[in-house]
Amino acid sequence: MRNVLLMLLIGICGCKGSLKKKETASSQEKNTITKMKLTDLNDLPIDLVQYKGRTLFINFWATWCKPCILEMPSIKNAEQLLHKNAIVFLLASSESPDQIREFKKNHNYPFNYARLINMEEMNLDVLPTTYIFNPKGELVYSEVGYRKWDDTNNIKMIVNINNQK
């Protein structure tokens, strides 16, 4: 019972202890795909426009964020379940490349890790946060907090977003 209550609490709150509801793309207008500044772990810029025509799933996380780490197995499973759908999964942290590399070394997640340079400008104050862009490059889904991404309903939602061509 205690573990169930703990999981419920983690699911409701993200890191920083704040609770927010799902936001629609219209309330996220400032967070367009072109405003995000990402680099790879070698500090080379990632141009997200290159993914136009593909669904882009970006999860913002941190190495110290327990709910972020708890949802990673479900992201890994979702990525495996959706591998034939041309969906790009990126996990972006504002931490240093060395911190991300150390996390990557100590955890068995084959993610495409990225570094978010402008976290404050993106108004990301609760982790984890997930954005999903449709193949047109439009932000169509945004949510803060833990989610079980390999759940059947979430897989269906991602597939539906992917079909918005």
Protein backbone atom coordinates (compact mmCIF):
# COMPACT_ATOMS: atom_id res chain seq x y z
CA MET A 1 0.00 0.00 0.00
CA ARG A 2 2.83 2.38 0.88
CA ASN A 3 4.50 1.79 -2.51
CA VAL A 4 1.22 2.44 -4.31
CA LEU A 5 0.83 5.76 -2.50
CA LEU A 6 4.42 6.69 -3.32
CA MET A 7 3.90 5.91 -7.02
CA LEU A 8 0.69 7.97 -7.05
CA LEU A 9 2.50 10.91 -5.48
CA ILE A 10 5.35 10.66 -7.99
CA GLY A 11 2.85 10.44 -10.83
CA ILE A 12 1.02 13.54 -9.70
CA CYS A 13 4.03 15.70 -9.03
CA GLY A 14 7.06 16.25 -11.18
CA CYS A 15 10.45 17.36 -9.94
CA LYS A 16 10.23 20.80 -8.34
CA GLY A 17 7.04 19.65 -6.60
CA SER A 18 4.64 21.56 -8.79
CA LEU A 19 1.50 20.14 -10.35
CA LYS A 20 0.36 21.24 -13.76
CA LYS A 21 -2.30 19.97 -16.12
CA LYS A 22 -1.89 19.02 -19.74
CA GLU A 23 -1.45 22.03 -21.94
CA THR A 24 -2.56 22.27 -25.51
CA ALA A 25 -0.40 23.53 -28.32
CA SER A 26 -2.28 26.85 -28.35
CA SER A 27 -1.11 27.60 -24.81
CA GLN A 28 2.43 26.60 -25.78
CA GLU A 29 2.79 28.93 -28.79
CA LYS A 30 6.13 30.30 -27.60
CA ASN A 31 7.57 26.78 -27.45
CA THR A 32 7.81 26.11 -31.14
CA ILE A 33 10.23 23.64 -32.58
CA THR A 34 12.39 26.47 -33.93
CA LYS A 35 12.83 28.15 -30.52
CA MET A 36 14.34 25.09 -28.88
CA LYS A 37 18.13 25.15 -28.77
CA LEU A 38 19.54 21.65 -28.55
CA THR A 39 23.03 20.26 -28.97
CA ASP A 40 24.35 16.74 -29.04
CA LEU A 41 26.75 15.57 -26.35
CA ASN A 42 29.68 16.96 -28.39
CA ASP A 43 28.09 20.46 -28.25
CA LEU A 44 27.15 20.35 -31.95
CA PRO A 45 23.80 22.04 -32.66
CA ILE A 46 20.80 19.86 -33.46
CA ASP A 47 18.52 21.41 -36.08
CA LEU A 48 15.06 20.07 -35.27
CA VAL A 49 13.75 21.19 -38.66
CA GLN A 50 15.56 18.12 -40.06
CA TYR A 51 12.82 16.01 -38.46
CA LYS A 52 9.98 17.69 -40.34
CA GLY A 53 7.87 14.94 -41.83
CA ARG A 54 8.45 12.76 -38.77
CA THR A 55 6.83 12.76 -35.36
CA LEU A 56 9.20 14.11 -32.74
CA PHE A 57 8.90 13.00 -29.10
CA ILE A 58 11.06 15.12 -26.80
CA ASN A 59 11.29 14.30 -23.12
CA PHE A 60 12.94 16.93 -20.89
CA TRP A 61 14.58 15.34 -17.87
CA ALA A 62 17.46 15.57 -15.39
CA THR A 63 19.83 13.03 -13.86
CA TRP A 64 18.67 13.99 -10.34
CA CYS A 65 14.93 13.81 -11.13
CA LYS A 66 13.41 10.60 -9.73
CA PRO A 67 10.13 10.75 -11.74
CA CYS A 68 12.21 11.33 -14.89
CA ILE A 69 14.25 8.21 -14.25
CA LEU A 70 11.16 6.19 -13.26
CA GLU A 71 9.49 6.88 -16.61
CA MET A 72 12.56 6.00 -18.72
CA PRO A 73 11.80 2.26 -18.97
CA SER A 74 8.37 3.08 -20.41
CA ILE A 75 9.92 5.54 -22.90
CA LYS A 76 12.40 2.85 -23.93
CA ASN A 77 9.54 0.36 -24.42
CA ALA A 78 7.45 2.89 -26.35
CA GLU A 79 10.39 3.63 -28.62
CA GLN A 80 10.83 -0.09 -29.28
CA LEU A 81 7.10 -0.59 -29.91
CA LEU A 82 7.03 2.34 -32.34
CA HIS A 83 10.34 1.75 -34.15
CA LYS A 84 8.60 1.07 -37.48
CA ASN A 85 6.66 4.36 -37.33
CA ALA A 86 9.54 6.76 -38.07
CA ILE A 87 9.09 8.51 -34.73
CA VAL A 88 12.14 10.30 -33.35
CA PHE A 89 12.69 10.09 -29.59
CA LEU A 90 15.03 12.62 -27.98
CA LEU A 91 15.79 12.95 -24.28
CA ALA A 92 16.97 16.47 -23.50
CA SER A 93 18.57 17.69 -20.30
CA SER A 94 20.00 21.10 -19.42
CA GLU A 95 22.85 19.44 -17.54
CA SER A 96 26.43 19.32 -18.81
CA PRO A 97 27.40 16.81 -21.50
CA ASP A 98 29.65 15.10 -18.91
CA GLN A 99 26.73 14.64 -16.50
CA ILE A 100 24.56 13.20 -19.27
CA ARG A 101 27.39 10.92 -20.47
CA GLU A 102 27.90 9.65 -16.91
CA PHE A 103 24.18 8.89 -16.61
CA LYS A 104 24.24 7.15 -20.00
CA LYS A 105 27.23 5.06 -18.91
CA ASN A 106 25.49 3.95 -15.71
CA HIS A 107 22.06 3.18 -17.22
CA ASN A 108 21.08 0.84 -20.02
CA TYR A 109 18.99 3.20 -22.13
CA PRO A 110 19.87 3.47 -25.83
CA PHE A 111 18.32 6.94 -26.12
CA ASN A 112 19.29 9.81 -28.37
CA TYR A 113 20.42 12.18 -25.64
CA ALA A 114 20.55 15.91 -26.24
CA ARG A 115 21.41 19.00 -24.25
CA LEU A 116 18.84 21.80 -23.95
CA ILE A 117 20.63 25.13 -23.93
CA ASN A 118 17.67 27.45 -23.33
CA MET A 119 15.59 25.73 -20.63
CA GLU A 120 14.58 29.02 -18.96
CA GLU A 121 13.52 30.58 -22.26
CA MET A 122 11.37 27.50 -22.91
CA ASN A 123 9.69 27.99 -19.49
CA LEU A 124 10.36 24.40 -18.48
CA ASP A 125 10.17 24.59 -14.71
CA VAL A 126 8.87 21.09 -13.92
CA LEU A 127 10.48 17.81 -14.94
CA PRO A 128 9.79 15.53 -16.59
CA THR A 129 8.05 17.41 -19.37
CA THR A 130 7.23 15.85 -22.73
CA TYR A 131 6.50 17.56 -26.04
CA ILE A 132 5.26 15.71 -29.10
CA PHE A 133 5.43 17.42 -32.49
CA ASN A 134 3.44 16.07 -35.40
CA PRO A 135 5.08 15.45 -38.81
CA LYS A 136 4.26 19.06 -39.80
CA GLY A 137 6.48 20.29 -36.95
CA GLU A 138 3.54 21.51 -34.88
CA LEU A 139 3.50 21.06 -31.12
CA VAL A 140 0.36 18.99 -30.57
CA TYR A 141 0.99 17.49 -27.15
CA SER A 142 2.62 18.80 -24.00
CA GLU A 143 2.51 17.44 -20.49
CA VAL A 144 4.48 17.77 -17.28
CA GLY A 145 4.98 14.91 -14.88
CA TYR A 146 5.47 11.16 -15.01
CA ARG A 147 3.60 9.09 -17.58
CA LYS A 148 3.72 5.41 -18.47
CA TRP A 149 4.51 5.88 -22.16
CA ASP A 150 4.24 2.21 -23.12
CA ASP A 151 0.63 2.03 -21.96
CA THR A 152 -1.68 1.02 -24.84
CA ASN A 153 -3.61 4.32 -24.79
CA ASN A 154 -0.39 6.35 -24.93
CA ILE A 155 0.97 4.27 -27.81
CA LYS A 156 -2.31 4.84 -29.69
CA MET A 157 -2.09 8.58 -29.01
CA ILE A 158 1.47 8.76 -30.40
CA VAL A 159 0.45 6.74 -33.47
CA ASN A 160 -2.51 9.09 -34.04
CA ILE A 161 -0.18 12.09 -33.83
CA ASN A 162 2.16 10.36 -36.25
CA ASN A 163 -0.72 9.98 -38.72
CA GLN A 164 -1.30 13.77 -38.82
CA LYS A 165 0.45 14.29 -42.14
